[in-house]
Structures are given as C-alpha cells and as structure tokens.
C-alpha atoms as a PDB file:
ATOM      1  CA  MET A   1      84.431  88.890  55.879  1.00  0.00           C
ATOM      2  CA  ALA A   2      82.387  90.395  58.693  1.00  0.00           C
ATOM      3  CA  THR A   3      83.963  91.241  62.048  1.00  0.00           C
ATOM      4  CA  LEU A   4      82.587  91.607  65.551  1.00  0.00           C
ATOM      5  CA  ASN A   5      83.928  93.725  68.406  1.00  0.00           C
ATOM      6  CA  LYS A   6      81.593  93.254  71.393  1.00  0.00           C
ATOM      7  CA  VAL A   7      82.407  92.969  75.088  1.00  0.00           C
ATOM      8  CA  MET A   8      79.989  92.009  77.881  1.00  0.00           C
ATOM      9  CA  LEU A   9      81.239  92.077  81.471  1.00  0.00           C
ATOM     10  CA  MET A  10      79.859  91.901  84.999  1.00  0.00           C
ATOM     11  CA  GLY A  11      81.943  93.411  87.760  1.00  0.00           C
ATOM     12  CA  ARG A  12      82.299  96.348  90.130  1.00  0.00           C
ATOM     13  CA  LEU A  13      83.502  99.934  89.916  1.00  0.00           C
ATOM     14  CA  THR A  14      86.868 100.423  91.623  1.00  0.00           C
ATOM     15  CA  ASP A  15      86.381 104.200  92.073  1.00  0.00           C
ATOM     16  CA  ASP A  16      83.678 106.803  91.569  1.00  0.00           C
ATOM     17  CA  PRO A  17      83.295 107.702  87.868  1.00  0.00           C
ATOM     18  CA  LYS A  18      85.048 110.858  86.629  1.00  0.00           C
ATOM     19  CA  ASP A  19      83.213 113.318  84.391  1.00  0.00           C
ATOM     20  CA  GLY A  20      85.143 115.066  81.670  1.00  0.00           C
ATOM     21  CA  ALA A  21      85.176 116.351  78.118  1.00  0.00           C
ATOM     22  CA  ILE A  22      87.237 115.668  75.017  1.00  0.00           C
ATOM     23  CA  PRO A  23      89.351 118.789  74.347  1.00  0.00           C
ATOM     24  CA  ASN A  24      88.318 120.989  71.397  1.00  0.00           C
ATOM     25  CA  THR A  25      85.153 118.953  70.698  1.00  0.00           C
ATOM     26  CA  GLY A  26      82.774 119.677  73.555  1.00  0.00           C
ATOM     27  CA  THR A  27      81.938 115.958  73.747  1.00  0.00           C
ATOM     28  CA  ARG A  28      81.243 114.795  77.307  1.00  0.00           C
ATOM     29  CA  VAL A  29      82.763 111.564  78.533  1.00  0.00           C
ATOM     30  CA  VAL A  30      82.714 109.628  81.792  1.00  0.00           C
ATOM     31  CA  LYS A  31      85.694 107.458  82.696  1.00  0.00           C
ATOM     32  CA  PHE A  32      85.840 104.691  85.256  1.00  0.00           C
ATOM     33  CA  ARG A  33      87.826 101.614  86.173  1.00  0.00           C
ATOM     34  CA  PHE A  34      86.035  98.292  86.343  1.00  0.00           C
ATOM     35  CA  ALA A  35      87.105  95.161  88.226  1.00  0.00           C
ATOM     36  CA  VAL A  36      86.172  91.752  86.843  1.00  0.00           C
ATOM     37  CA  GLY A  37      86.906  88.485  88.601  1.00  0.00           C
ATOM     38  CA  ARG A  38      86.014  84.897  88.028  1.00  0.00           C
ATOM     39  CA  SER A  39      85.120  81.981  90.225  1.00  0.00           C
ATOM     40  CA  ARG A  40      86.722  78.569  90.126  1.00  0.00           C
ATOM     41  CA  LYS A  41      86.086  75.334  91.906  1.00  0.00           C
ATOM     42  CA  ASN A  42      88.744  74.268  94.413  1.00  0.00           C
ATOM     43  CA  PRO A  43      89.639  70.656  93.546  1.00  0.00           C
ATOM     44  CA  GLN A  44      90.484  69.782  97.172  1.00  0.00           C
ATOM     45  CA  THR A  45      87.379  71.203  98.869  1.00  0.00           C
ATOM     46  CA  GLY A  46      84.891  71.227  96.010  1.00  0.00           C
ATOM     47  CA  GLN A  47      83.914  74.808  97.028  1.00  0.00           C
ATOM     48  CA  TRP A  48      83.679  77.737  94.631  1.00  0.00           C
ATOM     49  CA  GLU A  49      86.295  80.443  95.265  1.00  0.00           C
ATOM     50  CA  SER A  50      86.760  83.930  93.862  1.00  0.00           C
ATOM     51  CA  ASP A  51      89.838  84.625  91.784  1.00  0.00           C
ATOM     52  CA  PRO A  52      92.368  86.408  94.044  1.00  0.00           C
ATOM     53  CA  ASN A  53      93.665  88.401  91.040  1.00  0.00           C
ATOM     54  CA  PRO A  54      90.827  90.372  89.436  1.00  0.00           C
ATOM     55  CA  LEU A  55      91.269  92.096  86.091  1.00  0.00           C
ATOM     56  CA  TYR A  56      91.104  95.911  86.181  1.00  0.00           C
ATOM     57  CA  ILE A  57      89.788  97.518  82.994  1.00  0.00           C
ATOM     58  CA  ASP A  58      89.629 101.193  82.007  1.00  0.00           C
ATOM     59  CA  CYS A  59      86.234 102.189  80.572  1.00  0.00           C
ATOM     60  CA  GLU A  60      84.792 105.261  78.868  1.00  0.00           C
ATOM     61  CA  ALA A  61      81.228 106.206  77.994  1.00  0.00           C
ATOM     62  CA  PHE A  62      80.402 109.119  75.708  1.00  0.00           C
ATOM     63  CA  HIS A  63      77.353 111.360  75.494  1.00  0.00           C
ATOM     64  CA  ARG A  64      75.451 110.583  72.297  1.00  0.00           C
ATOM     65  CA  PRO A  65      72.773 113.159  71.435  1.00  0.00           C
ATOM     66  CA  GLU A  66      70.741 110.604  69.454  1.00  0.00           C
ATOM     67  CA  ALA A  67      70.494 108.197  72.433  1.00  0.00           C
ATOM     68  CA  LYS A  68      67.244 107.987  74.435  1.00  0.00           C
ATOM     69  CA  ARG A  69      69.143 108.702  77.643  1.00  0.00           C
ATOM     70  CA  ASP A  70      72.281 110.580  78.577  1.00  0.00           C
ATOM     71  CA  LEU A  71      74.614 107.739  79.598  1.00  0.00           C
ATOM     72  CA  VAL A  72      77.224 110.137  81.035  1.00  0.00           C
ATOM     73  CA  ASN A  73      74.720 111.801  83.402  1.00  0.00           C
ATOM     74  CA  LEU A  74      73.193 108.494  84.493  1.00  0.00           C
ATOM     75  CA  ILE A  75      76.562 106.924  85.306  1.00  0.00           C
ATOM     76  CA  MET A  76      77.691 110.049  87.166  1.00  0.00           C
ATOM     77  CA  GLN A  77      74.444 110.251  89.141  1.00  0.00           C
ATOM     78  CA  TYR A  78      73.822 106.594  90.045  1.00  0.00           C
ATOM     79  CA  CYS A  79      77.154 104.744  89.988  1.00  0.00           C
ATOM     80  CA  ARG A  80      79.627 104.736  92.869  1.00  0.00           C
ATOM     81  CA  LYS A  81      82.715 102.825  93.890  1.00  0.00           C
ATOM     82  CA  GLY A  82      81.838  99.197  94.604  1.00  0.00           C
ATOM     83  CA  ASP A  83      78.572  99.172  92.630  1.00  0.00           C
ATOM     84  CA  PRO A  84      77.965  95.954  90.665  1.00  0.00           C
ATOM     85  CA  LEU A  85      77.248  96.574  86.968  1.00  0.00           C
ATOM     86  CA  PHE A  86      76.769  94.742  83.701  1.00  0.00           C
ATOM     87  CA  ILE A  87      78.410  96.662  80.865  1.00  0.00           C
ATOM     88  CA  GLU A  88      78.337  96.156  77.120  1.00  0.00           C
ATOM     89  CA  GLY A  89      80.640  97.851  74.685  1.00  0.00           C
ATOM     90  CA  ARG A  90      83.593  97.410  72.370  1.00  0.00           C
ATOM     91  CA  LEU A  91      87.355  97.151  72.728  1.00  0.00           C
ATOM     92  CA  GLN A  92      89.477 100.078  71.624  1.00  0.00           C
ATOM     93  CA  LEU A  93      93.268 100.398  71.470  1.00  0.00           C
ATOM     94  CA  ASP A  94      94.754 103.681  72.709  1.00  0.00           C
ATOM     95  CA  GLN A  95      98.310 104.525  71.617  1.00  0.00           C
ATOM     96  CA  TRP A  96     100.493 107.426  72.718  1.00  0.00           C
ATOM     97  CA  ASP A  97     104.104 108.521  73.256  1.00  0.00           C
ATOM     98  CA  ASP A  98     105.226 108.552  76.889  1.00  0.00           C
ATOM     99  CA  LYS A  99     106.157 112.157  77.713  1.00  0.00           C
ATOM    100  CA  GLN A 100     108.879 111.100  80.176  1.00  0.00           C
ATOM    101  CA  THR A 101     110.604 108.327  78.217  1.00  0.00           C
ATOM    102  CA  GLY A 102     109.523 109.048  74.630  1.00  0.00           C
ATOM    103  CA  GLN A 103     108.568 105.374  74.209  1.00  0.00           C
ATOM    104  CA  LYS A 104     105.405 104.301  72.437  1.00  0.00           C
ATOM    105  CA  ARG A 105     102.739 103.088  74.874  1.00  0.00           C
ATOM    106  CA  SER A 106      99.389 101.425  74.366  1.00  0.00           C
ATOM    107  CA  LYS A 107      96.469  99.912  76.272  1.00  0.00           C
ATOM    108  CA  HIS A 108      93.100  98.405  75.540  1.00  0.00           C
ATOM    109  CA  LYS A 109      89.980  99.940  77.041  1.00  0.00           C
ATOM    110  CA  ILE A 110      86.235  99.378  76.812  1.00  0.00           C
ATOM    111  CA  VAL A 111      84.051 101.976  75.093  1.00  0.00           C
ATOM    112  CA  VAL A 112      80.789 101.433  76.982  1.00  0.00           C
ATOM    113  CA  GLU A 113      77.558 101.454  74.978  1.00  0.00           C
ATOM    114  CA  SER A 114      75.126 100.314  77.684  1.00  0.00           C
ATOM    115  CA  VAL A 115      75.072  99.710  81.424  1.00  0.00           C
ATOM    116  CA  GLU A 116      72.694  97.758  83.638  1.00  0.00           C
ATOM    117  CA  PHE A 117      72.510  98.143  87.413  1.00  0.00           C
ATOM    118  CA  LEU A 118      72.805  94.756  89.102  1.00  0.00           C
ATOM    119  CA  GLY A 119      71.736  95.463  92.670  1.00  0.00           C
ATOM    120  CA  ALA A 120      72.832  96.448  96.125  1.00  0.00           C
ATOM    121  CA  ARG A 121      76.454  96.553  97.155  1.00  0.00           C
ATOM    122  CA  GLN A 122      77.600  93.790  99.457  1.00  0.00           C
ATOM    123  CA  GLY A 123      77.456  94.786 103.092  1.00  0.00           C
ATOM    124  CA  GLU A 124      75.009  97.654 102.656  1.00  0.00           C
ATOM    125  CA  ASP A 125      72.702  98.014 105.591  1.00  0.00           C
ATOM    126  CA  GLY A 126      69.450  99.789 106.251  1.00  0.00           C
ATOM    127  CA  GLY A 127      67.707  98.131 103.302  1.00  0.00           C
ATOM    128  CA  GLN A 128      69.184 100.601 100.844  1.00  0.00           C
ATOM    129  CA  ALA A 129      70.049  99.468  97.344  1.00  0.00           C
ATOM    130  CA  GLY A 130      73.174 100.372  95.412  1.00  0.00           C
ATOM    131  CA  ALA A 131      73.437 102.424  92.239  1.00  0.00           C
ATOM    132  CA  GLY A 132      70.442 104.558  93.167  1.00  0.00           C
ATOM    133  CA  ARG A 133      67.952 101.722  92.939  1.00  0.00           C
ATOM    134  CA  PRO A 134      64.922 101.840  95.167  1.00  0.00           C
ATOM    135  CA  ALA A 135      65.168  99.847  98.376  1.00  0.00           C
ATOM    136  CA  SER A 136      62.457  97.424  99.491  1.00  0.00           C
ATOM    137  CA  SER A 137      61.011 100.270 101.547  1.00  0.00           C
ATOM    138  CA  GLY A 138      60.644 102.339  98.386  1.00  0.00           C
ATOM    139  CA  ARG A 139      63.311 104.839  99.451  1.00  0.00           C
ATOM    140  CA  PRO A 140      66.253 105.572  97.125  1.00  0.00           C
ATOM    141  CA  ALA A 141      69.855 104.910  98.154  1.00  0.00           C
ATOM    142  CA  ALA A 142      71.502 107.469 100.415  1.00  0.00           C
ATOM    143  CA  GLY A 143      71.838 110.859  98.770  1.00  0.00           C
ATOM    144  CA  ARG A 144      70.549 109.729  95.378  1.00  0.00           C
ATOM    145  CA  THR A 145      67.190 109.567  93.715  1.00  0.00           C
ATOM    146  CA  ALA A 146      65.908 106.519  91.890  1.00  0.00           C
ATOM    147  CA  PRO A 147      66.632 106.326  88.141  1.00  0.00           C
ATOM    148  CA  PRO A 148      63.809 106.863  85.633  1.00  0.00           C
ATOM    149  CA  ASP A 149      61.137 104.152  85.486  1.00  0.00           C
ATOM    150  CA  GLU A 150      62.323 102.935  82.077  1.00  0.00           C
ATOM    151  CA  GLY A 151      64.049  99.900  83.615  1.00  0.00           C
ATOM    152  CA  ASP A 152      67.597  99.467  84.770  1.00  0.00           C
ATOM    153  CA  GLU A 153      69.308  99.495  81.397  1.00  0.00           C
ATOM    154  CA  LEU A 154      71.093 102.684  80.419  1.00  0.00           C
ATOM    155  CA  GLY A 155      71.479 102.795  76.654  1.00  0.00           C
ATOM    156  CA  GLY A 156      74.130 104.883  74.996  1.00  0.00           C
ATOM    157  CA  GLU A 157      77.819 104.715  74.348  1.00  0.00           C
ATOM    158  CA  SER A 158      90.392 105.937  83.179  1.00  0.00           C
ATOM    159  CA  SER A 159      92.420 105.017  85.425  1.00  0.00           C
ATOM    160  CA  GLY A 160      91.521 104.619  89.031  1.00  0.00           C
ATOM    161  CA  GLY A 161      92.838 102.974  92.090  1.00  0.00           C
ATOM    162  CA  GLY A 162      93.338  99.259  92.350  1.00  0.00           C
ATOM    163  CA  ASP A 163      91.643  99.180  95.717  1.00  0.00           C
ATOM    164  CA  HIS A 164      90.243  95.836  96.688  1.00  0.00           C
ATOM    165  CA  ILE A 165      86.692  95.440  95.394  1.00  0.00           C
ATOM    166  CA  PRO A 166      84.852  92.481  96.972  1.00  0.00           C
ATOM    167  CA  PHE A 167      83.027  90.300  94.478  1.00  0.00           C
END
C-alpha cells in the first residue's frame, strides 16, 4: 500500500528565521516557527472571524545541493517575522530524552520542501512589499533586494516566540 506524507499551509512567521547547521555533518538548516489560523463564520452576525487560537508549528528547511536554489539562503535573506508564506513539506516526528527530567519527549514538525512568498505584510506603509518582493514603485522592501526573477516559489527542502501574529 502506498503512503503519502504531504503538508501545505498558509500562515505567517512568528519570528525571524534562525540559520544553523547539523552537528558533525556540515548540513545547513534554517529553523522557524509558523503560525496558522483559520476563519469561521459567526452564526449570530454572519461575519467571518479569525480563529483566536492559532496553531504554532516548528519548521525546518535544509540545504540540498541538487536543488536549483539554496532554500536556506533564500529564507534567511527574504523572510522576516510576520511575513505571509505558503509552505509545502512533510511531517516528521522528533523524539528525545528531556535532560532535566529524563522523560521521553516528542513533537511533530514540518520539514519544508518549498516556500512561496504571498505578499506584503499587513500594515506596511510606503508601498513596500514584504518578504523582499518588489513594491509597486519597483523598489525592494527595506534593507533587502528583490529575489531572483524565477518567480516567487523557492524550491528545495524551531522554536520561536508565540508573539501575536495578525492574520
């Protein structure tokens, strides 16, 4: 029997991504926390409302030499706290022994295989776009250059704060 492990989510970064490496391998990895909410229709008012309890998900993306682009560098360069993204990847279970209590611990995370920039952050002014995307004036977002002209998709393969991320 065939199996499928695929996750597709739209949400926002809760913190700036953190660059790192896997010890003793030299493999680069970027870790970030992702907030995903959902909307629901209020039965009394008929208005759509955001879920007051978003889901916070730990994500990792690895550098893959065979990929067309370096996903780690692109995420580090163009993604910031609050940026809206579409991510695709797979679920992975991490298990470890808690150093303080000795108990077995586990958590699910997303191993990111591709990322797509979704647009400007809410509340940005000056016509600048989020995630390094060119603004309507043709200027890149503050302090960042525009990503390569190959489209917004970034092919390739944490824990952060639970700060409030507006959806």
